[in-house]
Amino acid sequence: MNTATFGALAEPHRLGMVELLREGPLSVGDIAERLAMGQPQASKHLRVLSEAGLVESQPAANKRMYKLRQEPLQEMDEWLSAFRASWEARLDRLDALLAEMQGKDGKDKQ
């Protein structure tokens, strides 16, 4: 798991860019416009995302189109799956305990 991925996503503007790019490739200008920021600022954030391996760019006429790379996001999902499984097991135990407690309460009231 690459910690640069989390570091890059910790900044709200960069996270917003990743959210935008989920819809498909966009140019720097489109990203800057949608996030109400200047193009130089957008380029700076995109460079950080690129260095973290989250996005890649391709030339298209006189623009650079940015798109998400799925590999780092899949790695994050795999890393988080261990936590997800642990929390699901804990919630299942809590559900069982609550059901048991409700069963006892129902018997006490009868």
PDB file of N, CA and C in Angstrom:
ATOM      1  N   MET A   1       0.846  -1.179   0.000  1.00  0.00           N
ATOM      2  CA  MET A   1       0.000   0.000   0.000  1.00  0.00           C
ATOM      3  C   MET A   1       0.886   1.235   0.000  1.00  0.00           C
ATOM      4  N   ASN A   2       0.688   2.092  -0.952  1.00  0.00           N
ATOM      5  CA  ASN A   2       1.488   3.295  -1.117  1.00  0.00           C
ATOM      6  C   ASN A   2       0.907   4.426  -0.265  1.00  0.00           C
ATOM      7  N   THR A   3       1.679   4.913   0.706  1.00  0.00           N
ATOM      8  CA  THR A   3       1.190   5.988   1.572  1.00  0.00           C
ATOM      9  C   THR A   3       1.033   7.305   0.809  1.00  0.00           C
ATOM     10  N   ALA A   4       1.710   7.450  -0.321  1.00  0.00           N
ATOM     11  CA  ALA A   4       1.560   8.655  -1.132  1.00  0.00           C
ATOM     12  C   ALA A   4       0.121   8.795  -1.624  1.00  0.00           C
ATOM     13  N   THR A   5      -0.561   7.679  -1.805  1.00  0.00           N
ATOM     14  CA  THR A   5      -1.955   7.712  -2.246  1.00  0.00           C
ATOM     15  C   THR A   5      -2.807   8.421  -1.213  1.00  0.00           C
ATOM     16  N   PHE A   6      -2.665   8.020   0.046  1.00  0.00           N
ATOM     17  CA  PHE A   6      -3.441   8.657   1.107  1.00  0.00           C
ATOM     18  C   PHE A   6      -3.058  10.118   1.272  1.00  0.00           C
ATOM     19  N   GLY A   7      -1.773  10.410   1.185  1.00  0.00           N
ATOM     20  CA  GLY A   7      -1.318  11.787   1.304  1.00  0.00           C
ATOM     21  C   GLY A   7      -1.900  12.670   0.216  1.00  0.00           C
ATOM     22  N   ALA A   8      -1.941  12.157  -0.989  1.00  0.00           N
ATOM     23  CA  ALA A   8      -2.484  12.936  -2.107  1.00  0.00           C
ATOM     24  C   ALA A   8      -3.984  13.169  -1.931  1.00  0.00           C
ATOM     25  N   LEU A   9      -4.687  12.168  -1.434  1.00  0.00           N
ATOM     26  CA  LEU A   9      -6.138  12.282  -1.278  1.00  0.00           C
ATOM     27  C   LEU A   9      -6.551  13.049  -0.036  1.00  0.00           C
ATOM     28  N   ALA A  10      -5.618  13.311   0.859  1.00  0.00           N
ATOM     29  CA  ALA A  10      -5.940  14.024   2.098  1.00  0.00           C
ATOM     30  C   ALA A  10      -6.292  15.488   1.843  1.00  0.00           C
ATOM     31  N   GLU A  11      -5.845  16.036   0.738  1.00  0.00           N
ATOM     32  CA  GLU A  11      -6.117  17.441   0.423  1.00  0.00           C
ATOM     33  C   GLU A  11      -7.480  17.533  -0.268  1.00  0.00           C
ATOM     34  N   PRO A  12      -8.391  18.358   0.245  1.00  0.00           N
ATOM     35  CA  PRO A  12      -9.760  18.417  -0.299  1.00  0.00           C
ATOM     36  C   PRO A  12      -9.863  18.709  -1.799  1.00  0.00           C
ATOM     37  N   HIS A  13      -9.027  19.592  -2.333  1.00  0.00           N
ATOM     38  CA  HIS A  13      -9.101  19.889  -3.770  1.00  0.00           C
ATOM     39  C   HIS A  13      -8.732  18.661  -4.607  1.00  0.00           C
ATOM     40  N   ARG A  14      -7.713  17.945  -4.161  1.00  0.00           N
ATOM     41  CA  ARG A  14      -7.298  16.752  -4.910  1.00  0.00           C
ATOM     42  C   ARG A  14      -8.357  15.657  -4.819  1.00  0.00           C
ATOM     43  N   LEU A  15      -8.962  15.513  -3.659  1.00  0.00           N
ATOM     44  CA  LEU A  15     -10.049  14.542  -3.521  1.00  0.00           C
ATOM     45  C   LEU A  15     -11.204  14.921  -4.446  1.00  0.00           C
ATOM     46  N   GLY A  16     -11.493  16.215  -4.531  1.00  0.00           N
ATOM     47  CA  GLY A  16     -12.531  16.689  -5.449  1.00  0.00           C
ATOM     48  C   GLY A  16     -12.199  16.384  -6.898  1.00  0.00           C
ATOM     49  N   MET A  17     -10.932  16.488  -7.244  1.00  0.00           N
ATOM     50  CA  MET A  17     -10.503  16.165  -8.609  1.00  0.00           C
ATOM     51  C   MET A  17     -10.712  14.687  -8.906  1.00  0.00           C
ATOM     52  N   VAL A  18     -10.378  13.850  -7.950  1.00  0.00           N
ATOM     53  CA  VAL A  18     -10.584  12.410  -8.138  1.00  0.00           C
ATOM     54  C   VAL A  18     -12.073  12.124  -8.315  1.00  0.00           C
ATOM     55  N   GLU A  19     -12.904  12.790  -7.529  1.00  0.00           N
ATOM     56  CA  GLU A  19     -14.354  12.617  -7.672  1.00  0.00           C
ATOM     57  C   GLU A  19     -14.810  13.020  -9.076  1.00  0.00           C
ATOM     58  N   LEU A  20     -14.311  14.140  -9.569  1.00  0.00           N
ATOM     59  CA  LEU A  20     -14.670  14.597 -10.924  1.00  0.00           C
ATOM     60  C   LEU A  20     -14.220  13.597 -11.988  1.00  0.00           C
ATOM     61  N   LEU A  21     -13.022  13.074 -11.816  1.00  0.00           N
ATOM     62  CA  LEU A  21     -12.456  12.175 -12.823  1.00  0.00           C
ATOM     63  C   LEU A  21     -13.113  10.798 -12.816  1.00  0.00           C
ATOM     64  N   ARG A  22     -13.919  10.515 -11.801  1.00  0.00           N
ATOM     65  CA  ARG A  22     -14.674   9.250 -11.827  1.00  0.00           C
ATOM     66  C   ARG A  22     -15.631   9.219 -13.013  1.00  0.00           C
ATOM     67  N   GLU A  23     -16.086  10.389 -13.431  1.00  0.00           N
ATOM     68  CA  GLU A  23     -17.022  10.490 -14.559  1.00  0.00           C
ATOM     69  C   GLU A  23     -16.341  10.268 -15.899  1.00  0.00           C
ATOM     70  N   GLY A  24     -15.023  10.439 -15.935  1.00  0.00           N
ATOM     71  CA  GLY A  24     -14.279  10.268 -17.178  1.00  0.00           C
ATOM     72  C   GLY A  24     -13.174  11.292 -17.295  1.00  0.00           C
ATOM     73  N   PRO A  25     -12.350  11.169 -18.329  1.00  0.00           N
ATOM     74  CA  PRO A  25     -11.215  12.081 -18.518  1.00  0.00           C
ATOM     75  C   PRO A  25     -11.664  13.535 -18.686  1.00  0.00           C
ATOM     76  N   LEU A  26     -10.840  14.437 -18.145  1.00  0.00           N
ATOM     77  CA  LEU A  26     -11.089  15.879 -18.252  1.00  0.00           C
ATOM     78  C   LEU A  26      -9.771  16.608 -18.471  1.00  0.00           C
ATOM     79  N   SER A  27      -9.860  17.759 -19.079  1.00  0.00           N
ATOM     80  CA  SER A  27      -8.677  18.600 -19.245  1.00  0.00           C
ATOM     81  C   SER A  27      -8.457  19.416 -17.974  1.00  0.00           C
ATOM     82  N   VAL A  28      -7.259  19.986 -17.841  1.00  0.00           N
ATOM     83  CA  VAL A  28      -6.949  20.845 -16.697  1.00  0.00           C
ATOM     84  C   VAL A  28      -7.950  21.998 -16.629  1.00  0.00           C
ATOM     85  N   GLY A  29      -8.247  22.589 -17.767  1.00  0.00           N
ATOM     86  CA  GLY A  29      -9.180  23.702 -17.803  1.00  0.00           C
ATOM     87  C   GLY A  29     -10.570  23.319 -17.310  1.00  0.00           C
ATOM     88  N   ASP A  30     -11.046  22.153 -17.729  1.00  0.00           N
ATOM     89  CA  ASP A  30     -12.361  21.684 -17.280  1.00  0.00           C
ATOM     90  C   ASP A  30     -12.365  21.448 -15.770  1.00  0.00           C
ATOM     91  N   ILE A  31     -11.306  20.846 -15.275  1.00  0.00           N
ATOM     92  CA  ILE A  31     -11.214  20.574 -13.837  1.00  0.00           C
ATOM     93  C   ILE A  31     -11.177  21.885 -13.059  1.00  0.00           C
ATOM     94  N   ALA A  32     -10.339  22.801 -13.499  1.00  0.00           N
ATOM     95  CA  ALA A  32     -10.220  24.089 -12.819  1.00  0.00           C
ATOM     96  C   ALA A  32     -11.562  24.821 -12.804  1.00  0.00           C
ATOM     97  N   GLU A  33     -12.248  24.812 -13.934  1.00  0.00           N
ATOM     98  CA  GLU A  33     -13.542  25.494 -14.026  1.00  0.00           C
ATOM     99  C   GLU A  33     -14.564  24.874 -13.076  1.00  0.00           C
ATOM    100  N   ARG A  34     -14.652  23.549 -13.071  1.00  0.00           N
ATOM    101  CA  ARG A  34     -15.651  22.870 -12.228  1.00  0.00           C
ATOM    102  C   ARG A  34     -15.368  23.020 -10.738  1.00  0.00           C
ATOM    103  N   LEU A  35     -14.096  23.178 -10.393  1.00  0.00           N
ATOM    104  CA  LEU A  35     -13.741  23.341  -8.984  1.00  0.00           C
ATOM    105  C   LEU A  35     -13.491  24.794  -8.601  1.00  0.00           C
ATOM    106  N   ALA A  36     -13.775  25.705  -9.519  1.00  0.00           N
ATOM    107  CA  ALA A  36     -13.643  27.152  -9.287  1.00  0.00           C
ATOM    108  C   ALA A  36     -12.248  27.505  -8.752  1.00  0.00           C
ATOM    109  N   MET A  37     -11.235  27.086  -9.490  1.00  0.00           N
ATOM    110  CA  MET A  37      -9.853  27.424  -9.131  1.00  0.00           C
ATOM    111  C   MET A  37      -9.094  27.806 -10.393  1.00  0.00           C
ATOM    112  N   GLY A  38      -7.963  28.426 -10.207  1.00  0.00           N
ATOM    113  CA  GLY A  38      -7.140  28.804 -11.344  1.00  0.00           C
ATOM    114  C   GLY A  38      -6.451  27.591 -11.957  1.00  0.00           C
ATOM    115  N   GLN A  39      -6.119  27.711 -13.240  1.00  0.00           N
ATOM    116  CA  GLN A  39      -5.447  26.615 -13.927  1.00  0.00           C
ATOM    117  C   GLN A  39      -4.085  26.262 -13.309  1.00  0.00           C
ATOM    118  N   PRO A  40      -3.281  27.260 -12.895  1.00  0.00           N
ATOM    119  CA  PRO A  40      -1.999  26.897 -12.273  1.00  0.00           C
ATOM    120  C   PRO A  40      -2.186  26.076 -10.992  1.00  0.00           C
ATOM    121  N   GLN A  41      -3.181  26.447 -10.189  1.00  0.00           N
ATOM    122  CA  GLN A  41      -3.457  25.708  -8.960  1.00  0.00           C
ATOM    123  C   GLN A  41      -3.922  24.286  -9.286  1.00  0.00           C
ATOM    124  N   ALA A  42      -4.794  24.157 -10.276  1.00  0.00           N
ATOM    125  CA  ALA A  42      -5.282  22.837 -10.685  1.00  0.00           C
ATOM    126  C   ALA A  42      -4.116  21.980 -11.195  1.00  0.00           C
ATOM    127  N   SER A  43      -3.238  22.569 -11.979  1.00  0.00           N
ATOM    128  CA  SER A  43      -2.079  21.836 -12.501  1.00  0.00           C
ATOM    129  C   SER A  43      -1.180  21.338 -11.379  1.00  0.00           C
ATOM    130  N   LYS A  44      -0.996  22.175 -10.358  1.00  0.00           N
ATOM    131  CA  LYS A  44      -0.167  21.793  -9.215  1.00  0.00           C
ATOM    132  C   LYS A  44      -0.770  20.569  -8.514  1.00  0.00           C
ATOM    133  N   HIS A  45      -2.067  20.595  -8.282  1.00  0.00           N
ATOM    134  CA  HIS A  45      -2.727  19.468  -7.618  1.00  0.00           C
ATOM    135  C   HIS A  45      -2.692  18.214  -8.497  1.00  0.00           C
ATOM    136  N   LEU A  46      -2.878  18.384  -9.789  1.00  0.00           N
ATOM    137  CA  LEU A  46      -2.832  17.237 -10.702  1.00  0.00           C
ATOM    138  C   LEU A  46      -1.436  16.617 -10.749  1.00  0.00           C
ATOM    139  N   ARG A  47      -0.416  17.449 -10.612  1.00  0.00           N
ATOM    140  CA  ARG A  47       0.954  16.930 -10.583  1.00  0.00           C
ATOM    141  C   ARG A  47       1.147  16.036  -9.352  1.00  0.00           C
ATOM    142  N   VAL A  48       0.609  16.452  -8.203  1.00  0.00           N
ATOM    143  CA  VAL A  48       0.713  15.635  -6.985  1.00  0.00           C
ATOM    144  C   VAL A  48      -0.033  14.315  -7.182  1.00  0.00           C
ATOM    145  N   LEU A  49      -1.230  14.380  -7.752  1.00  0.00           N
ATOM    146  CA  LEU A  49      -2.007  13.163  -8.012  1.00  0.00           C
ATOM    147  C   LEU A  49      -1.274  12.240  -8.984  1.00  0.00           C
ATOM    148  N   SER A  50      -0.618  12.832  -9.962  1.00  0.00           N
ATOM    149  CA  SER A  50       0.143  12.056 -10.942  1.00  0.00           C
ATOM    150  C   SER A  50       1.352  11.393 -10.290  1.00  0.00           C
ATOM    151  N   GLU A  51       2.073  12.132  -9.461  1.00  0.00           N
ATOM    152  CA  GLU A  51       3.246  11.585  -8.771  1.00  0.00           C
ATOM    153  C   GLU A  51       2.848  10.449  -7.822  1.00  0.00           C
ATOM    154  N   ALA A  52       1.639  10.525  -7.274  1.00  0.00           N
ATOM    155  CA  ALA A  52       1.140   9.457  -6.395  1.00  0.00           C
ATOM    156  C   ALA A  52       0.607   8.278  -7.202  1.00  0.00           C
ATOM    157  N   GLY A  53       0.548   8.425  -8.523  1.00  0.00           N
ATOM    158  CA  GLY A  53       0.091   7.348  -9.390  1.00  0.00           C
ATOM    159  C   GLY A  53      -1.412   7.252  -9.535  1.00  0.00           C
ATOM    160  N   LEU A  54      -2.138   8.257  -9.046  1.00  0.00           N
ATOM    161  CA  LEU A  54      -3.601   8.214  -9.093  1.00  0.00           C
ATOM    162  C   LEU A  54      -4.183   8.632 -10.434  1.00  0.00           C
ATOM    163  N   VAL A  55      -3.474   9.509 -11.146  1.00  0.00           N
ATOM    164  CA  VAL A  55      -3.958   9.955 -12.452  1.00  0.00           C
ATOM    165  C   VAL A  55      -2.839   9.843 -13.472  1.00  0.00           C
ATOM    166  N   GLU A  56      -3.246   9.814 -14.721  1.00  0.00           N
ATOM    167  CA  GLU A  56      -2.281   9.883 -15.813  1.00  0.00           C
ATOM    168  C   GLU A  56      -2.828  10.864 -16.840  1.00  0.00           C
ATOM    169  N   SER A  57      -1.928  11.433 -17.598  1.00  0.00           N
ATOM    170  CA  SER A  57      -2.359  12.401 -18.608  1.00  0.00           C
ATOM    171  C   SER A  57      -1.949  11.922 -19.987  1.00  0.00           C
ATOM    172  N   GLN A  58      -2.749  12.343 -20.947  1.00  0.00           N
ATOM    173  CA  GLN A  58      -2.465  12.036 -22.346  1.00  0.00           C
ATOM    174  C   GLN A  58      -2.719  13.289 -23.168  1.00  0.00           C
ATOM    175  N   PRO A  59      -1.835  13.579 -24.121  1.00  0.00           N
ATOM    176  CA  PRO A  59      -2.070  14.743 -24.968  1.00  0.00           C
ATOM    177  C   PRO A  59      -3.253  14.496 -25.899  1.00  0.00           C
ATOM    178  N   ALA A  60      -4.042  15.530 -26.075  1.00  0.00           N
ATOM    179  CA  ALA A  60      -5.172  15.482 -27.010  1.00  0.00           C
ATOM    180  C   ALA A  60      -5.261  16.856 -27.662  1.00  0.00           C
ATOM    181  N   ALA A  61      -4.776  16.948 -28.892  1.00  0.00           N
ATOM    182  CA  ALA A  61      -4.688  18.229 -29.609  1.00  0.00           C
ATOM    183  C   ALA A  61      -3.817  19.171 -28.778  1.00  0.00           C
ATOM    184  N   ASN A  62      -4.358  20.314 -28.374  1.00  0.00           N
ATOM    185  CA  ASN A  62      -3.559  21.276 -27.607  1.00  0.00           C
ATOM    186  C   ASN A  62      -3.845  21.199 -26.101  1.00  0.00           C
ATOM    187  N   LYS A  63      -4.461  20.115 -25.661  1.00  0.00           N
ATOM    188  CA  LYS A  63      -4.798  19.937 -24.243  1.00  0.00           C
ATOM    189  C   LYS A  63      -4.130  18.682 -23.706  1.00  0.00           C
ATOM    190  N   ARG A  64      -4.109  18.582 -22.402  1.00  0.00           N
ATOM    191  CA  ARG A  64      -3.718  17.347 -21.718  1.00  0.00           C
ATOM    192  C   ARG A  64      -4.953  16.846 -21.001  1.00  0.00           C
ATOM    193  N   MET A  65      -5.312  15.623 -21.308  1.00  0.00           N
ATOM    194  CA  MET A  65      -6.478  15.016 -20.679  1.00  0.00           C
ATOM    195  C   MET A  65      -6.011  14.144 -19.524  1.00  0.00           C
ATOM    196  N   TYR A  66      -6.666  14.317 -18.378  1.00  0.00           N
ATOM    197  CA  TYR A  66      -6.329  13.547 -17.191  1.00  0.00           C
ATOM    198  C   TYR A  66      -7.405  12.505 -16.934  1.00  0.00           C
ATOM    199  N   LYS A  67      -6.954  11.317 -16.536  1.00  0.00           N
ATOM    200  CA  LYS A  67      -7.899  10.259 -16.197  1.00  0.00           C
ATOM    201  C   LYS A  67      -7.370   9.497 -14.993  1.00  0.00           C
ATOM    202  N   LEU A  68      -8.286   8.866 -14.274  1.00  0.00           N
ATOM    203  CA  LEU A  68      -7.910   8.083 -13.106  1.00  0.00           C
ATOM    204  C   LEU A  68      -7.211   6.803 -13.511  1.00  0.00           C
ATOM    205  N   ARG A  69      -6.296   6.384 -12.688  1.00  0.00           N
ATOM    206  CA  ARG A  69      -5.680   5.060 -12.817  1.00  0.00           C
ATOM    207  C   ARG A  69      -6.346   4.182 -11.768  1.00  0.00           C
ATOM    208  N   GLN A  70      -6.835   3.046 -12.166  1.00  0.00           N
ATOM    209  CA  GLN A  70      -7.583   2.220 -11.230  1.00  0.00           C
ATOM    210  C   GLN A  70      -6.705   1.396 -10.297  1.00  0.00           C
ATOM    211  N   GLU A  71      -5.475   1.125 -10.659  1.00  0.00           N
ATOM    212  CA  GLU A  71      -4.625   0.262  -9.837  1.00  0.00           C
ATOM    213  C   GLU A  71      -4.452   0.766  -8.408  1.00  0.00           C
ATOM    214  N   PRO A  72      -4.089   2.055  -8.195  1.00  0.00           N
ATOM    215  CA  PRO A  72      -3.923   2.512  -6.807  1.00  0.00           C
ATOM    216  C   PRO A  72      -5.224   2.451  -6.012  1.00  0.00           C
ATOM    217  N   LEU A  73      -6.337   2.696  -6.673  1.00  0.00           N
ATOM    218  CA  LEU A  73      -7.620   2.643  -5.985  1.00  0.00           C
ATOM    219  C   LEU A  73      -7.988   1.201  -5.640  1.00  0.00           C
ATOM    220  N   GLN A  74      -7.629   0.265  -6.495  1.00  0.00           N
ATOM    221  CA  GLN A  74      -7.858  -1.148  -6.187  1.00  0.00           C
ATOM    222  C   GLN A  74      -6.989  -1.588  -5.016  1.00  0.00           C
ATOM    223  N   GLU A  75      -5.746  -1.097  -4.971  1.00  0.00           N
ATOM    224  CA  GLU A  75      -4.860  -1.415  -3.846  1.00  0.00           C
ATOM    225  C   GLU A  75      -5.444  -0.887  -2.543  1.00  0.00           C
ATOM    226  N   MET A  76      -5.987   0.332  -2.580  1.00  0.00           N
ATOM    227  CA  MET A  76      -6.627   0.895  -1.394  1.00  0.00           C
ATOM    228  C   MET A  76      -7.810   0.039  -0.963  1.00  0.00           C
ATOM    229  N   ASP A  77      -8.620  -0.370  -1.917  1.00  0.00           N
ATOM    230  CA  ASP A  77      -9.784  -1.182  -1.613  1.00  0.00           C
ATOM    231  C   ASP A  77      -9.375  -2.511  -0.980  1.00  0.00           C
ATOM    232  N   GLU A  78      -8.325  -3.129  -1.509  1.00  0.00           N
ATOM    233  CA  GLU A  78      -7.837  -4.387  -0.939  1.00  0.00           C
ATOM    234  C   GLU A  78      -7.330  -4.187   0.480  1.00  0.00           C
ATOM    235  N   TRP A  79      -6.609  -3.100   0.713  1.00  0.00           N
ATOM    236  CA  TRP A  79      -6.090  -2.799   2.040  1.00  0.00           C
ATOM    237  C   TRP A  79      -7.240  -2.555   3.009  1.00  0.00           C
ATOM    238  N   LEU A  80      -8.234  -1.814   2.567  1.00  0.00           N
ATOM    239  CA  LEU A  80      -9.382  -1.510   3.423  1.00  0.00           C
ATOM    240  C   LEU A  80     -10.281  -2.722   3.667  1.00  0.00           C
ATOM    241  N   SER A  81     -10.229  -3.715   2.792  1.00  0.00           N
ATOM    242  CA  SER A  81     -11.113  -4.873   2.935  1.00  0.00           C
ATOM    243  C   SER A  81     -10.860  -5.617   4.243  1.00  0.00           C
ATOM    244  N   ALA A  82      -9.625  -5.639   4.728  1.00  0.00           N
ATOM    245  CA  ALA A  82      -9.337  -6.281   6.012  1.00  0.00           C
ATOM    246  C   ALA A  82     -10.059  -5.549   7.140  1.00  0.00           C
ATOM    247  N   PHE A  83     -10.082  -4.235   7.081  1.00  0.00           N
ATOM    248  CA  PHE A  83     -10.787  -3.454   8.093  1.00  0.00           C
ATOM    249  C   PHE A  83     -12.294  -3.642   7.957  1.00  0.00           C
ATOM    250  N   ARG A  84     -12.739  -3.678   6.721  1.00  0.00           N
ATOM    251  CA  ARG A  84     -14.164  -3.849   6.451  1.00  0.00           C
ATOM    252  C   ARG A  84     -14.659  -5.176   7.025  1.00  0.00           C
ATOM    253  N   ALA A  85     -13.901  -6.239   6.820  1.00  0.00           N
ATOM    254  CA  ALA A  85     -14.278  -7.557   7.330  1.00  0.00           C
ATOM    255  C   ALA A  85     -14.321  -7.550   8.856  1.00  0.00           C
ATOM    256  N   SER A  86     -13.361  -6.906   9.475  1.00  0.00           N
ATOM    257  CA  SER A  86     -13.318  -6.828  10.933  1.00  0.00           C
ATOM    258  C   SER A  86     -14.540  -6.083  11.481  1.00  0.00           C
ATOM    259  N   TRP A  87     -14.868  -4.950  10.867  1.00  0.00           N
ATOM    260  CA  TRP A  87     -16.018  -4.179  11.333  1.00  0.00           C
ATOM    261  C   TRP A  87     -17.329  -4.906  11.076  1.00  0.00           C
ATOM    262  N   GLU A  88     -17.426  -5.607   9.968  1.00  0.00           N
ATOM    263  CA  GLU A  88     -18.646  -6.375   9.697  1.00  0.00           C
ATOM    264  C   GLU A  88     -18.831  -7.482  10.729  1.00  0.00           C
ATOM    265  N   ALA A  89     -17.747  -8.126  11.137  1.00  0.00           N
ATOM    266  CA  ALA A  89     -17.834  -9.163  12.169  1.00  0.00           C
ATOM    267  C   ALA A  89     -18.275  -8.558  13.500  1.00  0.00           C
ATOM    268  N   ARG A  90     -17.739  -7.397  13.828  1.00  0.00           N
ATOM    269  CA  ARG A  90     -18.128  -6.726  15.075  1.00  0.00           C
ATOM    270  C   ARG A  90     -19.598  -6.319  15.037  1.00  0.00           C
ATOM    271  N   LEU A  91     -20.041  -5.811  13.913  1.00  0.00           N
ATOM    272  CA  LEU A  91     -21.448  -5.413  13.798  1.00  0.00           C
ATOM    273  C   LEU A  91     -22.368  -6.632  13.865  1.00  0.00           C
ATOM    274  N   ASP A  92     -21.935  -7.744  13.290  1.00  0.00           N
ATOM    275  CA  ASP A  92     -22.727  -8.975  13.378  1.00  0.00           C
ATOM    276  C   ASP A  92     -22.861  -9.416  14.834  1.00  0.00           C
ATOM    277  N   ARG A  93     -21.769  -9.331  15.609  1.00  0.00           N
ATOM    278  CA  ARG A  93     -21.830  -9.703  17.028  1.00  0.00           C
ATOM    279  C   ARG A  93     -22.738  -8.753  17.796  1.00  0.00           C
ATOM    280  N   LEU A  94     -22.686  -7.466  17.460  1.00  0.00           N
ATOM    281  CA  LEU A  94     -23.561  -6.483  18.106  1.00  0.00           C
ATOM    282  C   LEU A  94     -25.025  -6.773  17.783  1.00  0.00           C
ATOM    283  N   ASP A  95     -25.315  -7.089  16.527  1.00  0.00           N
ATOM    284  CA  ASP A  95     -26.685  -7.455  16.142  1.00  0.00           C
ATOM    285  C   ASP A  95     -27.174  -8.653  16.941  1.00  0.00           C
ATOM    286  N   ALA A  96     -26.316  -9.661  17.087  1.00  0.00           N
ATOM    287  CA  ALA A  96     -26.696 -10.864  17.834  1.00  0.00           C
ATOM    288  C   ALA A  96     -26.949 -10.524  19.295  1.00  0.00           C
ATOM    289  N   LEU A  97     -26.100  -9.696  19.885  1.00  0.00           N
ATOM    290  CA  LEU A  97     -26.275  -9.291  21.276  1.00  0.00           C
ATOM    291  C   LEU A  97     -27.567  -8.510  21.460  1.00  0.00           C
ATOM    292  N   LEU A  98     -27.841  -7.578  20.563  1.00  0.00           N
ATOM    293  CA  LEU A  98     -29.079  -6.793  20.658  1.00  0.00           C
ATOM    294  C   LEU A  98     -30.309  -7.678  20.508  1.00  0.00           C
ATOM    295  N   ALA A  99     -30.253  -8.625  19.590  1.00  0.00           N
ATOM    296  CA  ALA A  99     -31.376  -9.544  19.408  1.00  0.00           C
ATOM    297  C   ALA A  99     -31.581 -10.381  20.672  1.00  0.00           C
ATOM    298  N   GLU A 100     -30.485 -10.826  21.280  1.00  0.00           N
ATOM    299  CA  GLU A 100     -30.573 -11.599  22.522  1.00  0.00           C
ATOM    300  C   GLU A 100     -31.168 -10.748  23.642  1.00  0.00           C
ATOM    301  N   MET A 101     -30.713  -9.502  23.738  1.00  0.00           N
ATOM    302  CA  MET A 101     -31.221  -8.605  24.788  1.00  0.00           C
ATOM    303  C   MET A 101     -32.701  -8.304  24.582  1.00  0.00           C
ATOM    304  N   GLN A 102     -33.107  -8.105  23.339  1.00  0.00           N
ATOM    305  CA  GLN A 102     -34.522  -7.848  23.054  1.00  0.00           C
ATOM    306  C   GLN A 102     -35.363  -9.071  23.384  1.00  0.00           C
ATOM    307  N   GLY A 103     -34.834 -10.256  23.135  1.00  0.00           N
ATOM    308  CA  GLY A 103     -35.530 -11.487  23.469  1.00  0.00           C
ATOM    309  C   GLY A 103     -35.742 -11.623  24.967  1.00  0.00           C
ATOM    310  N   LYS A 104     -34.726 -11.273  25.745  1.00  0.00           N
ATOM    311  CA  LYS A 104     -34.842 -11.325  27.204  1.00  0.00           C
ATOM    312  C   LYS A 104     -35.821 -10.298  27.711  1.00  0.00           C
ATOM    313  N   ASP A 105     -35.780  -9.074  27.137  1.00  0.00           N
ATOM    314  CA  ASP A 105     -36.714  -8.020  27.543  1.00  0.00           C
ATOM    315  C   ASP A 105     -38.141  -8.449  27.255  1.00  0.00           C
ATOM    316  N   GLY A 106     -38.356  -9.081  26.138  1.00  0.00           N
ATOM    317  CA  GLY A 106     -39.700  -9.530  25.769  1.00  0.00           C
ATOM    318  C   GLY A 106     -40.215 -10.594  26.714  1.00  0.00           C
ATOM    319  N   LYS A 107     -39.345 -11.471  27.174  1.00  0.00           N
ATOM    320  CA  LYS A 107     -39.735 -12.520  28.109  1.00  0.00           C
ATOM    321  C   LYS A 107     -40.022 -11.955  29.484  1.00  0.00           C
ATOM    322  N   ASP A 108     -39.237 -10.940  29.907  1.00  0.00           N
ATOM    323  CA  ASP A 108     -39.421 -10.340  31.235  1.00  0.00           C
ATOM    324  C   ASP A 108     -40.753  -9.617  31.324  1.00  0.00           C
ATOM    325  N   LYS A 109     -41.230  -9.039  30.209  1.00  0.00           N
ATOM    326  CA  LYS A 109     -42.458  -8.258  30.212  1.00  0.00           C
ATOM    327  C   LYS A 109     -43.695  -9.124  30.148  1.00  0.00           C
ATOM    328  N   GLN A 110     -43.556 -10.400  29.823  1.00  0.00           N
ATOM    329  CA  GLN A 110     -44.728 -11.276  29.670  1.00  0.00           C
ATOM    330  C   GLN A 110     -45.196 -11.785  30.971  1.00  0.00           C
TER     331      GLN A 110
END
